[in-house]
Each structure stands twice: as C-alpha cells, then as structure tokens.
Amino acid sequence: MSIALEVCVSDVAGLDAAVAGGADRIELTSALELGGLTPSAGLMDVAAGAAVPVHAIVRPHPGGFVYDDRALDVMIRDIGAARRAGLAGVVVGASRPDGRLDETALRRLVAAADGLFVTLHRAFDLAPDPLEALELAVGLGIGRILTSGGAVAALDGADTIAAVVQAAAGRVAVMAGGGVRVETADLLVGRTGVRDVHASCSVPTTPGDPRVTALGWGPPLMRRTDRATVEAMRHKLNGVFAR
C-alpha cells in the first residue's frame, strides 16, 4: 500500500521542483497565494510533458465558487484548453449561495470534461452537509474529492474527513488537503484513512526587487514550491505503512 502525494504548483519552476521531489501527481494552478486560479494555456502545454499526471484547476477568479452562466462558459472553455494540452484531468467546483454544491453547474462542468479525470476541489468544504455533498459527487461521476473536512487545516477536520472516507466506501477517492505539513502528514493519514494527500509543499518568498511590490506588480509575500519539502513529505508518507 502507498499514499499518493499531489502537489499544487503555479509555475514551471514549481512543476520541476515537485516532480524532482517525488510528487505522484500535480495540481496545476496560477496564483498559488490565492488558493489557485486557472493556469494559462501556455503553462498547461508545458506541464503536459511532465513525467507524472497533471490536473489543472478550473477556477476563473478568487473568492467563492458561485458562478453565473458567463463564468461557467469561461470554465468550460478552460476545460477545453486542458483537454487540448493533453492534461490528465481537471479540478472543478461550484457552490450555491448557501454553500451547498451547485448540481446544475457541476453537471455542466463534468459533461465538458468527459474523458478527463475530474476532481472536486474544496468547494466541498463549504457544504453544510458533507455526506449529502459526497452523494452528489458520486452521482455526478466525480473521481476524487479534495477536502479539509471543512476546517482551515485538514488535521483539524480529520474526524469529518474520516466520516467521508467511510461513507464513500471506495466509490470515490477522498484526498486530504489544506494546511498539510510534513511533521503531521502521517498522523493525518492515520486519523482519516485517506490514500491521497494534497499539499503545496511551498515556502514563503519575497520579490528580489522591492520595486516589484511598490509598483503593484506582485504581493509582498508569495509562495514557491520547494523541492526539499516535497522530498520530505514523500519520505514521511512512504513511512506510513513501513512501521
């Protein structure tokens, strides 16, 4: 048995660091510091050549996940870009104003992604009833759910994640993500029973030229994927079943 490590990256340097560090799968994004937005078509094209499967997040803007028809049209076009690039899958989500999953919107997104692996992102964590959301995801044919158990950090939501894993009963993969740290990754797996872990494995970085921030071209603090952290996470997860 093994634990799959998915690393979210937002540029080519992060992609290379994650693959070299031992990631099993990549979630491709832009704006990692905003929780990840849809990557550019160019980045998708480059990432398609990676040695591991790459799944692009389809999230057109920061903030919540309530989308109107215009936003959904953009998302469907972005799914097409991921398909043309040759990526393995897409990561999607859509909510109703009350936090419940938007079945109508998700049905459109899943249909557009036909033939690609579909992961439901942490819009799942806004759902007031995670087990109801689970059944909706299963009914839509979604292949994987990313969740922190509704908490800021997955370890704090471990009990909810474990309940979702048990209720899923293998019908859909459940992946724990959100504030996952090397020091506690094995504890998270042990408490939840997940076989997939999602992490940024990133470290904070500041622009080398302070004018970049002063002129409004970037935030004062950004995140970059760190190969050593990926390697450490991979090593920690490898040890889960080695005891």
C-alpha atoms as a PDB file:
ATOM      1  CA  MET A   1       0.000   0.000   0.000  1.00  0.00           C
ATOM      2  CA  SER A   2       1.137   3.575  -0.610  1.00  0.00           C
ATOM      3  CA  ILE A   3      -0.059   7.130  -0.175  1.00  0.00           C
ATOM      4  CA  ALA A   4      -0.264   9.267  -3.308  1.00  0.00           C
ATOM      5  CA  LEU A   5       1.175  12.767  -2.945  1.00  0.00           C
ATOM      6  CA  GLU A   6      -0.402  15.519  -5.041  1.00  0.00           C
ATOM      7  CA  VAL A   7       1.486  18.814  -5.067  1.00  0.00           C
ATOM      8  CA  CYS A   8      -0.115  22.048  -6.250  1.00  0.00           C
ATOM      9  CA  VAL A   9       2.201  24.283  -8.294  1.00  0.00           C
ATOM     10  CA  SER A  10       1.762  27.596 -10.058  1.00  0.00           C
ATOM     11  CA  ASP A  11       4.721  27.899 -12.413  1.00  0.00           C
ATOM     12  CA  VAL A  12       7.301  25.897 -14.347  1.00  0.00           C
ATOM     13  CA  ALA A  13       9.871  26.115 -11.552  1.00  0.00           C
ATOM     14  CA  GLY A  14       7.326  24.699  -9.100  1.00  0.00           C
ATOM     15  CA  LEU A  15       6.398  21.956 -11.549  1.00  0.00           C
ATOM     16  CA  ASP A  16      10.031  20.909 -11.911  1.00  0.00           C
ATOM     17  CA  ALA A  17      10.586  21.032  -8.136  1.00  0.00           C
ATOM     18  CA  ALA A  18       7.515  18.910  -7.411  1.00  0.00           C
ATOM     19  CA  VAL A  19       8.377  16.236  -9.966  1.00  0.00           C
ATOM     20  CA  ALA A  20      12.025  16.102  -8.887  1.00  0.00           C
ATOM     21  CA  GLY A  21      10.957  15.864  -5.243  1.00  0.00           C
ATOM     22  CA  GLY A  22       8.795  12.801  -5.832  1.00  0.00           C
ATOM     23  CA  ALA A  23       5.233  14.048  -6.323  1.00  0.00           C
ATOM     24  CA  ASP A  24       2.895  11.424  -7.752  1.00  0.00           C
ATOM     25  CA  ARG A  25       0.544  13.950  -9.297  1.00  0.00           C
ATOM     26  CA  ILE A  26       0.402  17.693  -9.962  1.00  0.00           C
ATOM     27  CA  GLU A  27      -2.439  20.141  -9.466  1.00  0.00           C
ATOM     28  CA  LEU A  28      -1.578  22.933 -11.877  1.00  0.00           C
ATOM     29  CA  THR A  29      -2.664  26.445 -10.919  1.00  0.00           C
ATOM     30  CA  SER A  30      -1.786  30.076 -11.139  1.00  0.00           C
ATOM     31  CA  ALA A  31      -1.720  32.442  -8.138  1.00  0.00           C
ATOM     32  CA  LEU A  32      -0.918  29.850  -5.506  1.00  0.00           C
ATOM     33  CA  GLU A  33      -1.111  32.558  -2.834  1.00  0.00           C
ATOM     34  CA  LEU A  34      -4.821  32.994  -3.706  1.00  0.00           C
ATOM     35  CA  GLY A  35      -5.612  29.326  -3.330  1.00  0.00           C
ATOM     36  CA  GLY A  36      -5.048  28.645  -7.014  1.00  0.00           C
ATOM     37  CA  LEU A  37      -6.653  30.005 -10.181  1.00  0.00           C
ATOM     38  CA  THR A  38      -6.879  28.580 -13.686  1.00  0.00           C
ATOM     39  CA  PRO A  39      -3.391  28.292 -15.217  1.00  0.00           C
ATOM     40  CA  SER A  40      -2.590  29.777 -18.601  1.00  0.00           C
ATOM     41  CA  ALA A  41      -2.878  27.700 -21.764  1.00  0.00           C
ATOM     42  CA  GLY A  42       0.876  28.013 -22.215  1.00  0.00           C
ATOM     43  CA  LEU A  43       1.581  26.607 -18.756  1.00  0.00           C
ATOM     44  CA  MET A  44      -0.830  23.742 -19.444  1.00  0.00           C
ATOM     45  CA  ASP A  45       1.014  22.946 -22.672  1.00  0.00           C
ATOM     46  CA  VAL A  46       4.384  22.849 -20.931  1.00  0.00           C
ATOM     47  CA  ALA A  47       3.073  20.858 -17.946  1.00  0.00           C
ATOM     48  CA  ALA A  48       1.608  18.194 -20.218  1.00  0.00           C
ATOM     49  CA  GLY A  49       5.150  16.986 -20.816  1.00  0.00           C
ATOM     50  CA  ALA A  50       5.743  16.223 -17.123  1.00  0.00           C
ATOM     51  CA  ALA A  51       6.610  12.692 -16.052  1.00  0.00           C
ATOM     52  CA  VAL A  52       3.569  12.493 -13.738  1.00  0.00           C
ATOM     53  CA  PRO A  53      -0.160  13.154 -14.326  1.00  0.00           C
ATOM     54  CA  VAL A  54      -1.135  16.826 -14.292  1.00  0.00           C
ATOM     55  CA  HIS A  55      -4.613  18.104 -13.401  1.00  0.00           C
ATOM     56  CA  ALA A  56      -5.471  21.764 -13.981  1.00  0.00           C
ATOM     57  CA  ILE A  57      -7.675  23.657 -11.568  1.00  0.00           C
ATOM     58  CA  VAL A  58     -10.515  25.467 -13.313  1.00  0.00           C
ATOM     59  CA  ARG A  59     -11.244  28.487 -11.131  1.00  0.00           C
ATOM     60  CA  PRO A  60     -11.773  31.733 -13.032  1.00  0.00           C
ATOM     61  CA  HIS A  61     -11.424  34.219 -10.173  1.00  0.00           C
ATOM     62  CA  PRO A  62     -10.521  34.406  -6.479  1.00  0.00           C
ATOM     63  CA  GLY A  63     -13.178  34.341  -3.790  1.00  0.00           C
ATOM     64  CA  GLY A  64     -16.098  31.963  -3.605  1.00  0.00           C
ATOM     65  CA  PHE A  65     -17.425  29.399  -6.030  1.00  0.00           C
ATOM     66  CA  VAL A  66     -20.831  30.775  -7.038  1.00  0.00           C
ATOM     67  CA  TYR A  67     -20.773  31.091 -10.833  1.00  0.00           C
ATOM     68  CA  ASP A  68     -23.230  32.559 -13.313  1.00  0.00           C
ATOM     69  CA  ASP A  69     -23.618  31.352 -16.900  1.00  0.00           C
ATOM     70  CA  ARG A  70     -20.910  33.694 -18.188  1.00  0.00           C
ATOM     71  CA  ALA A  71     -18.362  32.398 -15.692  1.00  0.00           C
ATOM     72  CA  LEU A  72     -19.357  28.811 -16.453  1.00  0.00           C
ATOM     73  CA  ASP A  73     -18.792  29.467 -20.147  1.00  0.00           C
ATOM     74  CA  VAL A  74     -15.247  30.595 -19.352  1.00  0.00           C
ATOM     75  CA  MET A  75     -14.695  27.496 -17.223  1.00  0.00           C
ATOM     76  CA  ILE A  76     -15.938  25.175 -19.959  1.00  0.00           C
ATOM     77  CA  ARG A  77     -13.543  26.838 -22.412  1.00  0.00           C
ATOM     78  CA  ASP A  78     -10.707  26.372 -19.896  1.00  0.00           C
ATOM     79  CA  ILE A  79     -11.569  22.685 -19.630  1.00  0.00           C
ATOM     80  CA  GLY A  80     -11.231  22.558 -23.399  1.00  0.00           C
ATOM     81  CA  ALA A  81      -7.780  24.119 -23.117  1.00  0.00           C
ATOM     82  CA  ALA A  82      -6.753  21.438 -20.612  1.00  0.00           C
ATOM     83  CA  ARG A  83      -8.002  18.748 -22.986  1.00  0.00           C
ATOM     84  CA  ARG A  84      -6.144  20.208 -25.967  1.00  0.00           C
ATOM     85  CA  ALA A  85      -2.959  20.419 -23.913  1.00  0.00           C
ATOM     86  CA  GLY A  86      -3.204  16.726 -23.142  1.00  0.00           C
ATOM     87  CA  LEU A  87      -3.556  17.003 -19.373  1.00  0.00           C
ATOM     88  CA  ALA A  88      -4.839  14.042 -17.371  1.00  0.00           C
ATOM     89  CA  GLY A  89      -7.684  15.842 -15.655  1.00  0.00           C
ATOM     90  CA  VAL A  90      -9.280  18.952 -14.255  1.00  0.00           C
ATOM     91  CA  VAL A  91     -10.183  20.162 -10.778  1.00  0.00           C
ATOM     92  CA  VAL A  92     -13.554  21.878 -10.527  1.00  0.00           C
ATOM     93  CA  GLY A  93     -16.164  23.043  -8.050  1.00  0.00           C
ATOM     94  CA  ALA A  94     -19.283  25.185  -7.873  1.00  0.00           C
ATOM     95  CA  SER A  95     -21.452  26.256  -4.962  1.00  0.00           C
ATOM     96  CA  ARG A  96     -24.910  27.625  -4.394  1.00  0.00           C
ATOM     97  CA  PRO A  97     -25.178  30.817  -2.294  1.00  0.00           C
ATOM     98  CA  ASP A  98     -25.996  28.720   0.797  1.00  0.00           C
ATOM     99  CA  GLY A  99     -22.801  26.677   0.396  1.00  0.00           C
ATOM    100  CA  ARG A 100     -24.394  23.534  -0.991  1.00  0.00           C
ATOM    101  CA  LEU A 101     -22.842  22.164  -4.148  1.00  0.00           C
ATOM    102  CA  ASP A 102     -24.411  23.540  -7.320  1.00  0.00           C
ATOM    103  CA  GLU A 103     -25.551  20.364  -9.037  1.00  0.00           C
ATOM    104  CA  THR A 104     -26.592  22.092 -12.253  1.00  0.00           C
ATOM    105  CA  ALA A 105     -23.265  23.877 -12.688  1.00  0.00           C
ATOM    106  CA  LEU A 106     -21.246  20.803 -11.740  1.00  0.00           C
ATOM    107  CA  ARG A 107     -23.190  18.661 -14.192  1.00  0.00           C
ATOM    108  CA  ARG A 108     -22.211  21.061 -16.989  1.00  0.00           C
ATOM    109  CA  LEU A 109     -18.559  21.061 -15.937  1.00  0.00           C
ATOM    110  CA  VAL A 110     -18.371  17.282 -15.617  1.00  0.00           C
ATOM    111  CA  ALA A 111     -20.008  16.866 -19.025  1.00  0.00           C
ATOM    112  CA  ALA A 112     -17.485  19.267 -20.573  1.00  0.00           C
ATOM    113  CA  ALA A 113     -14.672  17.225 -19.013  1.00  0.00           C
ATOM    114  CA  ASP A 114     -15.878  13.920 -20.457  1.00  0.00           C
ATOM    115  CA  GLY A 115     -12.843  11.674 -20.878  1.00  0.00           C
ATOM    116  CA  LEU A 116     -10.749  13.628 -18.344  1.00  0.00           C
ATOM    117  CA  PHE A 117     -10.374  12.700 -14.691  1.00  0.00           C
ATOM    118  CA  VAL A 118     -12.458  15.081 -12.567  1.00  0.00           C
ATOM    119  CA  THR A 119     -11.576  16.135  -9.034  1.00  0.00           C
ATOM    120  CA  LEU A 120     -13.958  18.170  -6.891  1.00  0.00           C
ATOM    121  CA  HIS A 121     -12.000  20.870  -5.084  1.00  0.00           C
ATOM    122  CA  ARG A 122     -12.605  22.378  -1.664  1.00  0.00           C
ATOM    123  CA  ALA A 123     -15.913  23.962  -2.601  1.00  0.00           C
ATOM    124  CA  PHE A 124     -16.865  20.675  -0.939  1.00  0.00           C
ATOM    125  CA  ASP A 125     -15.786  22.187   2.388  1.00  0.00           C
ATOM    126  CA  LEU A 126     -18.455  24.891   2.206  1.00  0.00           C
ATOM    127  CA  ALA A 127     -21.264  22.336   2.039  1.00  0.00           C
ATOM    128  CA  PRO A 128     -23.301  22.288   5.275  1.00  0.00           C
ATOM    129  CA  ASP A 129     -23.777  18.506   4.981  1.00  0.00           C
ATOM    130  CA  PRO A 130     -20.603  16.798   3.721  1.00  0.00           C
ATOM    131  CA  LEU A 131     -22.269  13.413   3.375  1.00  0.00           C
ATOM    132  CA  GLU A 132     -25.002  14.902   1.201  1.00  0.00           C
ATOM    133  CA  ALA A 133     -22.294  16.575  -0.876  1.00  0.00           C
ATOM    134  CA  LEU A 134     -20.477  13.254  -1.127  1.00  0.00           C
ATOM    135  CA  GLU A 135     -23.528  11.522  -2.577  1.00  0.00           C
ATOM    136  CA  LEU A 136     -23.994  14.306  -5.110  1.00  0.00           C
ATOM    137  CA  ALA A 137     -20.359  13.971  -6.196  1.00  0.00           C
ATOM    138  CA  VAL A 138     -20.692  10.213  -6.547  1.00  0.00           C
ATOM    139  CA  GLY A 139     -23.874  10.623  -8.576  1.00  0.00           C
ATOM    140  CA  LEU A 140     -22.120  13.012 -10.961  1.00  0.00           C
ATOM    141  CA  GLY A 141     -19.309  10.538 -11.592  1.00  0.00           C
ATOM    142  CA  ILE A 142     -16.605  12.661  -9.973  1.00  0.00           C
ATOM    143  CA  GLY A 143     -13.460  10.639  -9.378  1.00  0.00           C
ATOM    144  CA  ARG A 144     -11.876  12.382  -6.388  1.00  0.00           C
ATOM    145  CA  ILE A 145     -12.869  14.814  -3.645  1.00  0.00           C
ATOM    146  CA  LEU A 146     -10.342  17.194  -2.084  1.00  0.00           C
ATOM    147  CA  THR A 147     -11.324  18.196   1.432  1.00  0.00           C
ATOM    148  CA  SER A 148     -10.013  19.602   4.688  1.00  0.00           C
ATOM    149  CA  GLY A 149     -13.106  18.359   6.477  1.00  0.00           C
ATOM    150  CA  GLY A 150     -14.435  21.906   6.493  1.00  0.00           C
ATOM    151  CA  ALA A 151     -11.569  23.140   8.671  1.00  0.00           C
ATOM    152  CA  VAL A 152      -8.780  25.561   7.835  1.00  0.00           C
ATOM    153  CA  ALA A 153      -6.289  22.718   8.257  1.00  0.00           C
ATOM    154  CA  ALA A 154      -7.064  19.127   7.314  1.00  0.00           C
ATOM    155  CA  LEU A 155      -5.755  17.745  10.594  1.00  0.00           C
ATOM    156  CA  ASP A 156      -8.369  19.813  12.451  1.00  0.00           C
ATOM    157  CA  GLY A 157     -11.061  18.376  10.191  1.00  0.00           C
ATOM    158  CA  ALA A 158      -9.773  14.803  10.435  1.00  0.00           C
ATOM    159  CA  ASP A 159     -12.928  13.389  12.029  1.00  0.00           C
ATOM    160  CA  THR A 160     -15.104  14.740   9.220  1.00  0.00           C
ATOM    161  CA  ILE A 161     -12.671  13.503   6.577  1.00  0.00           C
ATOM    162  CA  ALA A 162     -12.710  10.053   8.174  1.00  0.00           C
ATOM    163  CA  ALA A 163     -16.521  10.022   8.090  1.00  0.00           C
ATOM    164  CA  VAL A 164     -16.474  10.956   4.390  1.00  0.00           C
ATOM    165  CA  VAL A 165     -13.911   8.218   3.647  1.00  0.00           C
ATOM    166  CA  GLN A 166     -16.063   5.648   5.425  1.00  0.00           C
ATOM    167  CA  ALA A 167     -19.259   6.766   3.687  1.00  0.00           C
ATOM    168  CA  ALA A 168     -17.538   6.867   0.299  1.00  0.00           C
ATOM    169  CA  ALA A 169     -16.670   3.178   0.671  1.00  0.00           C
ATOM    170  CA  GLY A 170     -14.373   3.291  -2.339  1.00  0.00           C
ATOM    171  CA  ARG A 171     -16.975   4.802  -4.700  1.00  0.00           C
ATOM    172  CA  VAL A 172     -14.883   7.964  -4.994  1.00  0.00           C
ATOM    173  CA  ALA A 173     -11.352   8.723  -3.816  1.00  0.00           C
ATOM    174  CA  VAL A 174     -11.089  11.133  -0.890  1.00  0.00           C
ATOM    175  CA  MET A 175      -7.970  13.294  -0.705  1.00  0.00           C
ATOM    176  CA  ALA A 176      -6.999  15.258   2.400  1.00  0.00           C
ATOM    177  CA  GLY A 177      -5.667  18.747   1.800  1.00  0.00           C
ATOM    178  CA  GLY A 178      -5.401  22.131   3.470  1.00  0.00           C
ATOM    179  CA  GLY A 179      -2.520  23.167   5.692  1.00  0.00           C
ATOM    180  CA  VAL A 180      -0.851  19.757   5.424  1.00  0.00           C
ATOM    181  CA  ARG A 181       2.604  19.820   6.995  1.00  0.00           C
ATOM    182  CA  VAL A 182       5.426  17.310   6.803  1.00  0.00           C
ATOM    183  CA  GLU A 183       5.515  16.941  10.584  1.00  0.00           C
ATOM    184  CA  THR A 184       1.913  15.749  10.855  1.00  0.00           C
ATOM    185  CA  ALA A 185       1.181  14.166   7.457  1.00  0.00           C
ATOM    186  CA  ASP A 186       1.420  10.627   8.805  1.00  0.00           C
ATOM    187  CA  LEU A 187      -0.905  11.480  11.694  1.00  0.00           C
ATOM    188  CA  LEU A 188      -3.409  12.913   9.206  1.00  0.00           C
ATOM    189  CA  VAL A 189      -3.378   9.703   7.168  1.00  0.00           C
ATOM    190  CA  GLY A 190      -3.723   7.579  10.280  1.00  0.00           C
ATOM    191  CA  ARG A 191      -6.696   9.528  11.603  1.00  0.00           C
ATOM    192  CA  THR A 192      -8.590   9.770   8.311  1.00  0.00           C
ATOM    193  CA  GLY A 193      -7.810   6.647   6.319  1.00  0.00           C
ATOM    194  CA  VAL A 194      -7.142   8.634   3.131  1.00  0.00           C
ATOM    195  CA  ARG A 195      -4.799   7.272   0.494  1.00  0.00           C
ATOM    196  CA  ASP A 196      -4.262  10.636  -1.227  1.00  0.00           C
ATOM    197  CA  VAL A 197      -2.678  13.727   0.310  1.00  0.00           C
ATOM    198  CA  HIS A 198      -2.646  17.184  -1.269  1.00  0.00           C
ATOM    199  CA  ALA A 199      -0.081  19.804  -0.259  1.00  0.00           C
ATOM    200  CA  SER A 200       1.627  22.873  -1.647  1.00  0.00           C
ATOM    201  CA  CYS A 201       4.998  21.933  -0.131  1.00  0.00           C
ATOM    202  CA  SER A 202       5.774  25.609  -0.529  1.00  0.00           C
ATOM    203  CA  VAL A 203       7.860  28.149   1.318  1.00  0.00           C
ATOM    204  CA  PRO A 204       7.346  31.926   1.556  1.00  0.00           C
ATOM    205  CA  THR A 205       9.411  34.135  -0.694  1.00  0.00           C
ATOM    206  CA  THR A 206       9.690  37.866  -1.306  1.00  0.00           C
ATOM    207  CA  PRO A 207      10.452  39.625  -4.599  1.00  0.00           C
ATOM    208  CA  GLY A 208      14.162  40.177  -5.149  1.00  0.00           C
ATOM    209  CA  ASP A 209      13.488  43.737  -6.252  1.00  0.00           C
ATOM    210  CA  PRO A 210      11.346  45.741  -3.790  1.00  0.00           C
ATOM    211  CA  ARG A 211      10.092  47.891  -6.687  1.00  0.00           C
ATOM    212  CA  VAL A 212       8.051  44.898  -7.897  1.00  0.00           C
ATOM    213  CA  THR A 213       5.812  45.223  -4.852  1.00  0.00           C
ATOM    214  CA  ALA A 214       5.950  49.017  -4.709  1.00  0.00           C
ATOM    215  CA  LEU A 215       4.743  49.317  -8.295  1.00  0.00           C
ATOM    216  CA  GLY A 216       1.897  46.878  -7.713  1.00  0.00           C
ATOM    217  CA  TRP A 217       3.257  44.020  -9.810  1.00  0.00           C
ATOM    218  CA  GLY A 218       3.123  41.430  -7.053  1.00  0.00           C
ATOM    219  CA  PRO A 219       2.294  40.847  -3.377  1.00  0.00           C
ATOM    220  CA  PRO A 220       4.966  41.392  -0.730  1.00  0.00           C
ATOM    221  CA  LEU A 221       4.918  37.686   0.134  1.00  0.00           C
ATOM    222  CA  MET A 222       4.471  34.826  -2.292  1.00  0.00           C
ATOM    223  CA  ARG A 223       4.700  31.037  -2.097  1.00  0.00           C
ATOM    224  CA  ARG A 224       7.015  28.830  -4.155  1.00  0.00           C
ATOM    225  CA  THR A 225       7.119  25.051  -4.352  1.00  0.00           C
ATOM    226  CA  ASP A 226      10.176  23.732  -2.550  1.00  0.00           C
ATOM    227  CA  ARG A 227      11.827  20.522  -3.753  1.00  0.00           C
ATOM    228  CA  ALA A 228      13.273  19.688  -0.325  1.00  0.00           C
ATOM    229  CA  THR A 229       9.828  19.995   1.258  1.00  0.00           C
ATOM    230  CA  VAL A 230       8.333  17.744  -1.423  1.00  0.00           C
ATOM    231  CA  GLU A 231      11.067  15.186  -0.765  1.00  0.00           C
ATOM    232  CA  ALA A 232      10.457  15.347   2.981  1.00  0.00           C
ATOM    233  CA  MET A 233       6.706  14.917   2.505  1.00  0.00           C
ATOM    234  CA  ARG A 234       7.265  11.978   0.163  1.00  0.00           C
ATOM    235  CA  HIS A 235       9.597  10.365   2.700  1.00  0.00           C
ATOM    236  CA  LYS A 236       7.131  10.871   5.551  1.00  0.00           C
ATOM    237  CA  LEU A 237       4.251   9.351   3.571  1.00  0.00           C
ATOM    238  CA  ASN A 238       6.431   6.442   2.435  1.00  0.00           C
ATOM    239  CA  GLY A 239       6.907   5.577   6.094  1.00  0.00           C
ATOM    240  CA  VAL A 240       3.193   5.331   6.916  1.00  0.00           C
ATOM    241  CA  PHE A 241       2.975   1.617   6.070  1.00  0.00           C
ATOM    242  CA  ALA A 242       6.617   0.823   6.807  1.00  0.00           C
ATOM    243  CA  ARG A 243       6.192   0.590  10.568  1.00  0.00           C
END
